[in-house]
C-alpha atoms as a PDB file:
ATOM      1  CA  UNK A   1      18.600  85.986 -24.293  1.00  0.00           C
ATOM      2  CA  UNK A   2      19.102  82.294 -24.988  1.00  0.00           C
ATOM      3  CA  UNK A   3      16.170  79.675 -25.196  1.00  0.00           C
ATOM      4  CA  UNK A   4      17.394  78.306 -21.861  1.00  0.00           C
ATOM      5  CA  UNK A   5      17.312  81.681 -20.120  1.00  0.00           C
ATOM      6  CA  UNK A   6      13.889  82.413 -21.619  1.00  0.00           C
ATOM      7  CA  UNK A   7      12.502  79.191 -20.344  1.00  0.00           C
ATOM      8  CA  UNK A   8      14.112  79.733 -16.941  1.00  0.00           C
ATOM      9  CA  UNK A   9      12.239  82.990 -16.601  1.00  0.00           C
ATOM     10  CA  UNK A  10       8.764  81.665 -17.331  1.00  0.00           C
ATOM     11  CA  UNK A  11       6.500  82.039 -14.329  1.00  0.00           C
ATOM     12  CA  UNK A  12       4.563  78.984 -13.091  1.00  0.00           C
ATOM     13  CA  UNK A  13       1.201  80.731 -13.508  1.00  0.00           C
ATOM     14  CA  UNK A  14      -0.398  83.142 -15.937  1.00  0.00           C
ATOM     15  CA  UNK A  15      -3.330  85.500 -15.405  1.00  0.00           C
ATOM     16  CA  UNK A  16      -5.166  86.399 -18.601  1.00  0.00           C
ATOM     17  CA  UNK A  17      -7.375  89.550 -18.633  1.00  0.00           C
ATOM     18  CA  UNK A  18      -6.285  90.712 -15.279  1.00  0.00           C
ATOM     19  CA  UNK A  19      -8.682  93.686 -15.562  1.00  0.00           C
ATOM     20  CA  UNK A  20     -11.704  91.368 -16.251  1.00  0.00           C
ATOM     21  CA  UNK A  21     -14.762  92.677 -14.557  1.00  0.00           C
ATOM     22  CA  UNK A  22     -16.814  89.431 -14.511  1.00  0.00           C
ATOM     23  CA  UNK A  23     -17.680  87.477 -11.302  1.00  0.00           C
ATOM     24  CA  UNK A  24     -16.706  84.397 -13.161  1.00  0.00           C
ATOM     25  CA  UNK A  25     -13.047  83.310 -12.398  1.00  0.00           C
ATOM     26  CA  UNK A  26     -11.772  80.956 -15.024  1.00  0.00           C
ATOM     27  CA  UNK A  27      -9.195  78.287 -14.311  1.00  0.00           C
ATOM     28  CA  UNK A  28      -7.072  76.059 -16.662  1.00  0.00           C
ATOM     29  CA  UNK A  29      -4.722  73.989 -14.640  1.00  0.00           C
ATOM     30  CA  UNK A  30      -3.536  71.899 -17.600  1.00  0.00           C
ATOM     31  CA  UNK A  31      -3.074  74.601 -20.154  1.00  0.00           C
ATOM     32  CA  UNK A  32       0.578  73.978 -21.203  1.00  0.00           C
ATOM     33  CA  UNK A  33       2.831  71.250 -22.326  1.00  0.00           C
ATOM     34  CA  UNK A  34       5.921  73.330 -21.388  1.00  0.00           C
ATOM     35  CA  UNK A  35       8.701  71.655 -19.605  1.00  0.00           C
ATOM     36  CA  UNK A  36      11.306  73.852 -17.732  1.00  0.00           C
ATOM     37  CA  UNK A  37      14.622  73.298 -19.383  1.00  0.00           C
ATOM     38  CA  UNK A  38      16.300  72.160 -16.115  1.00  0.00           C
ATOM     39  CA  UNK A  39      14.046  69.147 -16.046  1.00  0.00           C
ATOM     40  CA  UNK A  40      15.266  67.892 -19.372  1.00  0.00           C
ATOM     41  CA  UNK A  41      11.717  67.054 -20.581  1.00  0.00           C
ATOM     42  CA  UNK A  42      11.517  64.544 -17.676  1.00  0.00           C
ATOM     43  CA  UNK A  43      13.216  61.843 -20.137  1.00  0.00           C
ATOM     44  CA  UNK A  44       9.944  61.581 -22.062  1.00  0.00           C
ATOM     45  CA  UNK A  45       9.687  60.363 -25.595  1.00  0.00           C
ATOM     46  CA  UNK A  46       8.501  62.911 -28.360  1.00  0.00           C
ATOM     47  CA  UNK A  47       5.059  61.285 -28.534  1.00  0.00           C
ATOM     48  CA  UNK A  48       4.596  61.583 -24.860  1.00  0.00           C
ATOM     49  CA  UNK A  49       5.510  65.269 -24.865  1.00  0.00           C
ATOM     50  CA  UNK A  50       2.812  66.081 -27.357  1.00  0.00           C
ATOM     51  CA  UNK A  51       0.092  63.729 -25.903  1.00  0.00           C
ATOM     52  CA  UNK A  52      -2.894  64.382 -23.642  1.00  0.00           C
ATOM     53  CA  UNK A  53      -0.753  63.012 -20.886  1.00  0.00           C
ATOM     54  CA  UNK A  54       1.378  66.114 -20.922  1.00  0.00           C
ATOM     55  CA  UNK A  55      -1.570  68.725 -20.984  1.00  0.00           C
ATOM     56  CA  UNK A  56      -5.120  69.222 -22.001  1.00  0.00           C
ATOM     57  CA  UNK A  57      -5.101  69.904 -25.850  1.00  0.00           C
ATOM     58  CA  UNK A  58      -7.582  72.718 -26.785  1.00  0.00           C
ATOM     59  CA  UNK A  59      -8.434  73.572 -23.254  1.00  0.00           C
ATOM     60  CA  UNK A  60      -6.443  76.824 -23.106  1.00  0.00           C
ATOM     61  CA  UNK A  61      -7.901  77.978 -26.470  1.00  0.00           C
ATOM     62  CA  UNK A  62     -11.442  77.492 -25.091  1.00  0.00           C
ATOM     63  CA  UNK A  63     -10.659  79.192 -21.864  1.00  0.00           C
ATOM     64  CA  UNK A  64      -9.093  82.138 -23.599  1.00  0.00           C
ATOM     65  CA  UNK A  65     -12.117  82.641 -25.691  1.00  0.00           C
ATOM     66  CA  UNK A  66     -14.420  82.343 -22.623  1.00  0.00           C
ATOM     67  CA  UNK A  67     -12.227  85.012 -20.821  1.00  0.00           C
ATOM     68  CA  UNK A  68     -12.798  87.235 -23.881  1.00  0.00           C
ATOM     69  CA  UNK A  69     -16.550  86.868 -24.141  1.00  0.00           C
ATOM     70  CA  UNK A  70     -17.290  86.844 -20.419  1.00  0.00           C
ATOM     71  CA  UNK A  71     -14.764  89.517 -19.614  1.00  0.00           C
ATOM     72  CA  UNK A  72     -13.420  87.116 -17.059  1.00  0.00           C
ATOM     73  CA  UNK A  73      -9.965  86.644 -15.564  1.00  0.00           C
ATOM     74  CA  UNK A  74      -8.353  83.435 -16.399  1.00  0.00           C
ATOM     75  CA  UNK A  75      -5.690  81.740 -14.120  1.00  0.00           C
ATOM     76  CA  UNK A  76      -3.722  79.153 -16.076  1.00  0.00           C
ATOM     77  CA  UNK A  77      -0.763  76.840 -15.387  1.00  0.00           C
ATOM     78  CA  UNK A  78       2.322  77.367 -17.489  1.00  0.00           C
ATOM     79  CA  UNK A  79       4.024  73.976 -17.222  1.00  0.00           C
ATOM     80  CA  UNK A  80       3.025  70.434 -18.096  1.00  0.00           C
ATOM     81  CA  UNK A  81       0.957  68.650 -15.562  1.00  0.00           C
ATOM     82  CA  UNK A  82       3.583  65.835 -15.576  1.00  0.00           C
ATOM     83  CA  UNK A  83       5.968  68.406 -13.844  1.00  0.00           C
ATOM     84  CA  UNK A  84       3.158  68.981 -11.257  1.00  0.00           C
ATOM     85  CA  UNK A  85      -0.525  68.603 -11.578  1.00  0.00           C
ATOM     86  CA  UNK A  86      -1.969  71.817 -10.119  1.00  0.00           C
ATOM     87  CA  UNK A  87      -5.405  70.169  -9.911  1.00  0.00           C
ATOM     88  CA  UNK A  88      -4.051  67.827  -7.157  1.00  0.00           C
ATOM     89  CA  UNK A  89      -2.898  68.646  -3.542  1.00  0.00           C
ATOM     90  CA  UNK A  90       0.682  67.912  -2.700  1.00  0.00           C
ATOM     91  CA  UNK A  91      -0.304  64.742  -0.669  1.00  0.00           C
ATOM     92  CA  UNK A  92      -2.079  63.041  -3.637  1.00  0.00           C
ATOM     93  CA  UNK A  93      -0.248  60.156  -5.130  1.00  0.00           C
ATOM     94  CA  UNK A  94      -0.956  61.488  -8.694  1.00  0.00           C
ATOM     95  CA  UNK A  95       0.273  65.053  -8.198  1.00  0.00           C
ATOM     96  CA  UNK A  96       3.643  63.969  -9.598  1.00  0.00           C
ATOM     97  CA  UNK A  97       2.978  60.986 -11.824  1.00  0.00           C
ATOM     98  CA  UNK A  98       5.513  58.321 -12.575  1.00  0.00           C
ATOM     99  CA  UNK A  99       3.245  56.789 -15.196  1.00  0.00           C
ATOM    100  CA  UNK A 100       0.371  58.416 -17.080  1.00  0.00           C
ATOM    101  CA  UNK A 101      -1.757  55.858 -19.023  1.00  0.00           C
ATOM    102  CA  UNK A 102       0.821  54.171 -21.407  1.00  0.00           C
ATOM    103  CA  UNK A 103       3.673  56.671 -20.798  1.00  0.00           C
ATOM    104  CA  UNK A 104       6.398  56.218 -18.180  1.00  0.00           C
ATOM    105  CA  UNK A 105       7.783  59.363 -16.791  1.00  0.00           C
ATOM    106  CA  UNK A 106      11.423  58.636 -16.130  1.00  0.00           C
ATOM    107  CA  UNK A 107      12.138  62.129 -14.549  1.00  0.00           C
ATOM    108  CA  UNK A 108       9.616  61.499 -11.828  1.00  0.00           C
ATOM    109  CA  UNK A 109      10.695  58.136 -10.724  1.00  0.00           C
ATOM    110  CA  UNK A 110      12.554  57.921  -7.448  1.00  0.00           C
ATOM    111  CA  UNK A 111      12.197  61.612  -6.428  1.00  0.00           C
ATOM    112  CA  UNK A 112      13.310  62.327  -2.900  1.00  0.00           C
ATOM    113  CA  UNK A 113      11.019  64.204  -0.479  1.00  0.00           C
ATOM    114  CA  UNK A 114      13.137  67.149  -0.893  1.00  0.00           C
ATOM    115  CA  UNK A 115      12.722  67.052  -4.734  1.00  0.00           C
ATOM    116  CA  UNK A 116       8.956  66.687  -4.463  1.00  0.00           C
ATOM    117  CA  UNK A 117       8.745  69.549  -2.053  1.00  0.00           C
ATOM    118  CA  UNK A 118      10.736  71.703  -4.422  1.00  0.00           C
ATOM    119  CA  UNK A 119       8.211  70.935  -7.132  1.00  0.00           C
ATOM    120  CA  UNK A 120       5.305  71.909  -4.803  1.00  0.00           C
ATOM    121  CA  UNK A 121       7.014  75.126  -3.896  1.00  0.00           C
ATOM    122  CA  UNK A 122       7.959  76.051  -7.444  1.00  0.00           C
ATOM    123  CA  UNK A 123       4.655  75.214  -9.272  1.00  0.00           C
ATOM    124  CA  UNK A 124       1.722  74.402  -6.955  1.00  0.00           C
ATOM    125  CA  UNK A 125       2.128  77.087  -4.381  1.00  0.00           C
ATOM    126  CA  UNK A 126       2.373  80.011  -6.749  1.00  0.00           C
ATOM    127  CA  UNK A 127      -0.594  78.700  -8.760  1.00  0.00           C
ATOM    128  CA  UNK A 128      -2.729  78.185  -5.544  1.00  0.00           C
ATOM    129  CA  UNK A 129      -1.775  81.635  -4.220  1.00  0.00           C
ATOM    130  CA  UNK A 130      -2.502  83.452  -7.413  1.00  0.00           C
ATOM    131  CA  UNK A 131      -5.905  81.797  -7.768  1.00  0.00           C
ATOM    132  CA  UNK A 132      -6.844  82.334  -4.179  1.00  0.00           C
ATOM    133  CA  UNK A 133      -5.935  86.107  -4.468  1.00  0.00           C
ATOM    134  CA  UNK A 134      -7.792  86.498  -7.680  1.00  0.00           C
ATOM    135  CA  UNK A 135     -10.965  84.928  -6.184  1.00  0.00           C
ATOM    136  CA  UNK A 136     -10.546  87.100  -2.936  1.00  0.00           C
ATOM    137  CA  UNK A 137     -10.731  90.209  -5.002  1.00  0.00           C
ATOM    138  CA  UNK A 138     -13.708  89.238  -7.100  1.00  0.00           C
ATOM    139  CA  UNK A 139     -17.354  90.167  -6.211  1.00  0.00           C
ATOM    140  CA  UNK A 140     -19.492  87.082  -5.578  1.00  0.00           C
ATOM    141  CA  UNK A 141     -17.017  84.750  -7.342  1.00  0.00           C
ATOM    142  CA  UNK A 142     -18.025  81.880  -9.571  1.00  0.00           C
ATOM    143  CA  UNK A 143     -15.168  79.379 -10.080  1.00  0.00           C
ATOM    144  CA  UNK A 144     -15.153  77.567 -13.453  1.00  0.00           C
ATOM    145  CA  UNK A 145     -12.249  75.184 -14.426  1.00  0.00           C
ATOM    146  CA  UNK A 146     -11.790  74.177 -18.033  1.00  0.00           C
ATOM    147  CA  UNK A 147     -10.250  70.878 -19.112  1.00  0.00           C
ATOM    148  CA  UNK A 148     -10.270  68.511 -22.123  1.00  0.00           C
ATOM    149  CA  UNK A 149     -10.083  64.752 -22.329  1.00  0.00           C
ATOM    150  CA  UNK A 150      -8.911  62.112 -24.793  1.00  0.00           C
ATOM    151  CA  UNK A 151     -11.629  60.307 -26.779  1.00  0.00           C
ATOM    152  CA  UNK A 152      -9.831  56.941 -26.312  1.00  0.00           C
ATOM    153  CA  UNK A 153      -8.424  56.072 -22.837  1.00  0.00           C
ATOM    154  CA  UNK A 154      -6.649  52.823 -22.138  1.00  0.00           C
ATOM    155  CA  UNK A 155      -8.162  51.486 -25.437  1.00  0.00           C
ATOM    156  CA  UNK A 156     -11.721  52.396 -24.434  1.00  0.00           C
ATOM    157  CA  UNK A 157     -13.678  54.772 -26.620  1.00  0.00           C
ATOM    158  CA  UNK A 158     -15.522  57.470 -24.691  1.00  0.00           C
ATOM    159  CA  UNK A 159     -18.976  58.454 -26.016  1.00  0.00           C
ATOM    160  CA  UNK A 160     -19.487  61.471 -23.683  1.00  0.00           C
ATOM    161  CA  UNK A 161     -18.498  64.684 -25.520  1.00  0.00           C
ATOM    162  CA  UNK A 162     -18.919  67.262 -22.767  1.00  0.00           C
ATOM    163  CA  UNK A 163     -18.750  66.519 -19.061  1.00  0.00           C
ATOM    164  CA  UNK A 164     -20.128  68.881 -16.508  1.00  0.00           C
ATOM    165  CA  UNK A 165     -18.558  68.052 -13.147  1.00  0.00           C
ATOM    166  CA  UNK A 166     -19.021  69.007  -9.553  1.00  0.00           C
ATOM    167  CA  UNK A 167     -18.208  67.958  -6.073  1.00  0.00           C
ATOM    168  CA  UNK A 168     -20.832  68.154  -3.310  1.00  0.00           C
ATOM    169  CA  UNK A 169     -22.155  71.559  -4.528  1.00  0.00           C
ATOM    170  CA  UNK A 170     -24.034  70.768  -7.648  1.00  0.00           C
ATOM    171  CA  UNK A 171     -26.051  74.010  -8.048  1.00  0.00           C
ATOM    172  CA  UNK A 172     -24.193  75.436 -11.135  1.00  0.00           C
ATOM    173  CA  UNK A 173     -23.780  72.035 -12.659  1.00  0.00           C
ATOM    174  CA  UNK A 174     -27.472  71.199 -12.234  1.00  0.00           C
ATOM    175  CA  UNK A 175     -28.425  74.505 -13.969  1.00  0.00           C
ATOM    176  CA  UNK A 176     -25.987  73.979 -16.880  1.00  0.00           C
ATOM    177  CA  UNK A 177     -27.161  70.435 -17.482  1.00  0.00           C
ATOM    178  CA  UNK A 178     -30.748  71.598 -17.489  1.00  0.00           C
ATOM    179  CA  UNK A 179     -29.815  74.243 -20.304  1.00  0.00           C
ATOM    180  CA  UNK A 180     -27.468  71.813 -22.237  1.00  0.00           C
ATOM    181  CA  UNK A 181     -30.185  69.195 -22.463  1.00  0.00           C
ATOM    182  CA  UNK A 182     -32.410  71.644 -24.475  1.00  0.00           C
ATOM    183  CA  UNK A 183     -29.809  73.302 -26.606  1.00  0.00           C
ATOM    184  CA  UNK A 184     -27.401  70.694 -28.180  1.00  0.00           C
ATOM    185  CA  UNK A 185     -27.211  67.461 -30.003  1.00  0.00           C
ATOM    186  CA  UNK A 186     -23.945  66.682 -28.206  1.00  0.00           C
ATOM    187  CA  UNK A 187     -23.673  64.110 -25.489  1.00  0.00           C
ATOM    188  CA  UNK A 188     -23.503  65.968 -22.300  1.00  0.00           C
ATOM    189  CA  UNK A 189     -23.207  64.068 -18.985  1.00  0.00           C
ATOM    190  CA  UNK A 190     -22.768  64.761 -15.306  1.00  0.00           C
ATOM    191  CA  UNK A 191     -19.471  63.824 -13.658  1.00  0.00           C
ATOM    192  CA  UNK A 192     -18.232  61.940 -16.795  1.00  0.00           C
ATOM    193  CA  UNK A 193     -15.637  60.965 -17.867  1.00  0.00           C
ATOM    194  CA  UNK A 194     -14.453  61.710 -14.381  1.00  0.00           C
ATOM    195  CA  UNK A 195     -15.918  62.516 -11.027  1.00  0.00           C
ATOM    196  CA  UNK A 196     -15.057  63.459  -7.427  1.00  0.00           C
ATOM    197  CA  UNK A 197     -14.032  59.844  -6.691  1.00  0.00           C
ATOM    198  CA  UNK A 198     -11.255  60.271  -9.224  1.00  0.00           C
ATOM    199  CA  UNK A 199      -9.754  63.269  -7.369  1.00  0.00           C
ATOM    200  CA  UNK A 200     -10.244  65.638 -10.169  1.00  0.00           C
ATOM    201  CA  UNK A 201     -12.191  68.360  -8.148  1.00  0.00           C
ATOM    202  CA  UNK A 202      -9.397  69.468  -5.946  1.00  0.00           C
ATOM    203  CA  UNK A 203      -9.497  73.103  -7.427  1.00  0.00           C
ATOM    204  CA  UNK A 204     -13.176  73.238  -6.636  1.00  0.00           C
ATOM    205  CA  UNK A 205     -12.773  71.786  -3.099  1.00  0.00           C
ATOM    206  CA  UNK A 206      -9.811  74.176  -2.416  1.00  0.00           C
ATOM    207  CA  UNK A 207     -11.110  77.415  -3.711  1.00  0.00           C
ATOM    208  CA  UNK A 208     -14.860  77.363  -4.035  1.00  0.00           C
ATOM    209  CA  UNK A 209     -16.523  75.011  -1.514  1.00  0.00           C
ATOM    210  CA  UNK A 210     -15.098  76.643   1.602  1.00  0.00           C
ATOM    211  CA  UNK A 211     -16.654  79.972   0.603  1.00  0.00           C
ATOM    212  CA  UNK A 212     -19.846  78.579  -0.822  1.00  0.00           C
ATOM    213  CA  UNK A 213     -19.079  79.972  -4.147  1.00  0.00           C
ATOM    214  CA  UNK A 214     -20.929  78.807  -7.156  1.00  0.00           C
ATOM    215  CA  UNK A 215     -18.666  76.451  -9.119  1.00  0.00           C
ATOM    216  CA  UNK A 216     -18.299  73.852 -12.002  1.00  0.00           C
ATOM    217  CA  UNK A 217     -15.678  71.938 -13.823  1.00  0.00           C
ATOM    218  CA  UNK A 218     -15.928  71.601 -17.563  1.00  0.00           C
ATOM    219  CA  UNK A 219     -14.411  68.664 -19.543  1.00  0.00           C
ATOM    220  CA  UNK A 220     -14.579  68.796 -23.449  1.00  0.00           C
ATOM    221  CA  UNK A 221     -13.524  65.842 -25.589  1.00  0.00           C
ATOM    222  CA  UNK A 222     -10.408  67.111 -27.219  1.00  0.00           C
ATOM    223  CA  UNK A 223     -11.316  65.887 -30.799  1.00  0.00           C
ATOM    224  CA  UNK A 224     -13.997  68.524 -30.763  1.00  0.00           C
ATOM    225  CA  UNK A 225     -11.634  71.474 -30.065  1.00  0.00           C
ATOM    226  CA  UNK A 226      -8.494  70.707 -32.273  1.00  0.00           C
ATOM    227  CA  UNK A 227      -8.688  74.076 -34.270  1.00  0.00           C
ATOM    228  CA  UNK A 228      -9.070  77.619 -33.150  1.00  0.00           C
ATOM    229  CA  UNK A 229     -12.392  77.874 -34.991  1.00  0.00           C
ATOM    230  CA  UNK A 230     -13.718  74.792 -32.990  1.00  0.00           C
ATOM    231  CA  UNK A 231     -12.371  76.087 -29.625  1.00  0.00           C
ATOM    232  CA  UNK A 232     -14.175  79.441 -30.449  1.00  0.00           C
ATOM    233  CA  UNK A 233     -17.404  77.739 -31.250  1.00  0.00           C
ATOM    234  CA  UNK A 234     -17.278  75.439 -28.179  1.00  0.00           C
ATOM    235  CA  UNK A 235     -16.522  78.359 -25.877  1.00  0.00           C
ATOM    236  CA  UNK A 236     -19.385  80.522 -27.330  1.00  0.00           C
ATOM    237  CA  UNK A 237     -21.786  77.673 -26.895  1.00  0.00           C
ATOM    238  CA  UNK A 238     -20.640  76.668 -23.268  1.00  0.00           C
ATOM    239  CA  UNK A 239     -20.346  80.392 -22.433  1.00  0.00           C
ATOM    240  CA  UNK A 240     -23.962  80.931 -23.053  1.00  0.00           C
ATOM    241  CA  UNK A 241     -24.947  77.991 -20.925  1.00  0.00           C
ATOM    242  CA  UNK A 242     -22.754  79.282 -18.117  1.00  0.00           C
ATOM    243  CA  UNK A 243     -24.183  82.801 -18.167  1.00  0.00           C
ATOM    244  CA  UNK A 244     -27.854  81.536 -18.244  1.00  0.00           C
ATOM    245  CA  UNK A 245     -27.061  78.876 -15.581  1.00  0.00           C
ATOM    246  CA  UNK A 246     -25.555  81.684 -13.385  1.00  0.00           C
ATOM    247  CA  UNK A 247     -28.563  83.773 -13.801  1.00  0.00           C
ATOM    248  CA  UNK A 248     -30.862  80.851 -13.134  1.00  0.00           C
ATOM    249  CA  UNK A 249     -28.902  80.376  -9.754  1.00  0.00           C
ATOM    250  CA  UNK A 250     -29.498  84.059  -9.036  1.00  0.00           C
ATOM    251  CA  UNK A 251     -25.824  84.849  -8.938  1.00  0.00           C
ATOM    252  CA  UNK A 252     -25.289  88.224  -7.431  1.00  0.00           C
ATOM    253  CA  UNK A 253     -22.128  89.256  -9.119  1.00  0.00           C
ATOM    254  CA  UNK A 254     -21.428  90.753 -12.541  1.00  0.00           C
ATOM    255  CA  UNK A 255     -21.906  88.305 -15.397  1.00  0.00           C
ATOM    256  CA  UNK A 256     -21.513  89.721 -18.938  1.00  0.00           C
ATOM    257  CA  UNK A 257     -21.667  88.320 -22.457  1.00  0.00           C
ATOM    258  CA  UNK A 258     -19.896  90.195 -25.175  1.00  0.00           C
ATOM    259  CA  UNK A 259     -19.573  87.781 -28.124  1.00  0.00           C
END
C-alpha cells in the first residue's frame, strides 16, 4: 500500500485503551499534526506544519501515560487542528482557521459552505460521536481533556506552567487546584492561559455539563513536556492530583492508579 493509500485510510479518531475500566475518560483533541494527503498540507510552510499551530506538542504523550496509569480510555483526534479543531463546534469562527497566530492557512481560505460541511462530517462528527459513545458506556464518567500550550504567544512570554481549566462546573478543577497548591513548585493557575471566554471549553460543555459529570481541562506548557521522560513525569504528577481530586469530590465510579 502506498503512503497516499495509508493516509487515506487513517480514521479521524482513535480510541486508546478501549478496555480501560476507569471512570475517567481522557480526551486529546489536538493530538496529531497529520494532514490527509488530499488536502496537500493546506499549503502550509514546513515551520507551520511542525508548530503549535498545527497540534499540541507533547499532549498525546501525556495523555497516553495517563491512560496507562489510570487504566482509562483515551479518545484522540488523528488530524491536525488546522484541518478541523475538534474542540470547537461547527458554527465557531475558529473551527477551521484561516490564520493561526503568525501562520496563514492557505488551504482554509475561501472554503465554500459545502467544503466546510464536508470537513465537519469527515472529522468533527466521528470524533463527537465516538466520544459520546465512550462516555455513555462509562460508569459515573469523569471527562478530562489534555492540551499543551506554547510558552511564547504573539511575542508574549507566559509564566503559567500548568493551567487547570473549567467552565461553569468547577468542582474537579477546585479540588485539583487545592492539591496542586500544596504539592508542586510549578506555577499552576485557574483558567490560564485560556478560559471559557476563549471558547476552549467546548468539549466540556458538549459532553460533560449536560450530564452533570465531573470534568476538567488540563493545559501544560509544551516546553515542560518535550521528551518522553518529561511527558511521563508530568502525567504521573497530574494523574495523582486527578485521582485524589476525584476522591475528594466523592466520585462514585472506578478510579485506579497503577503507576
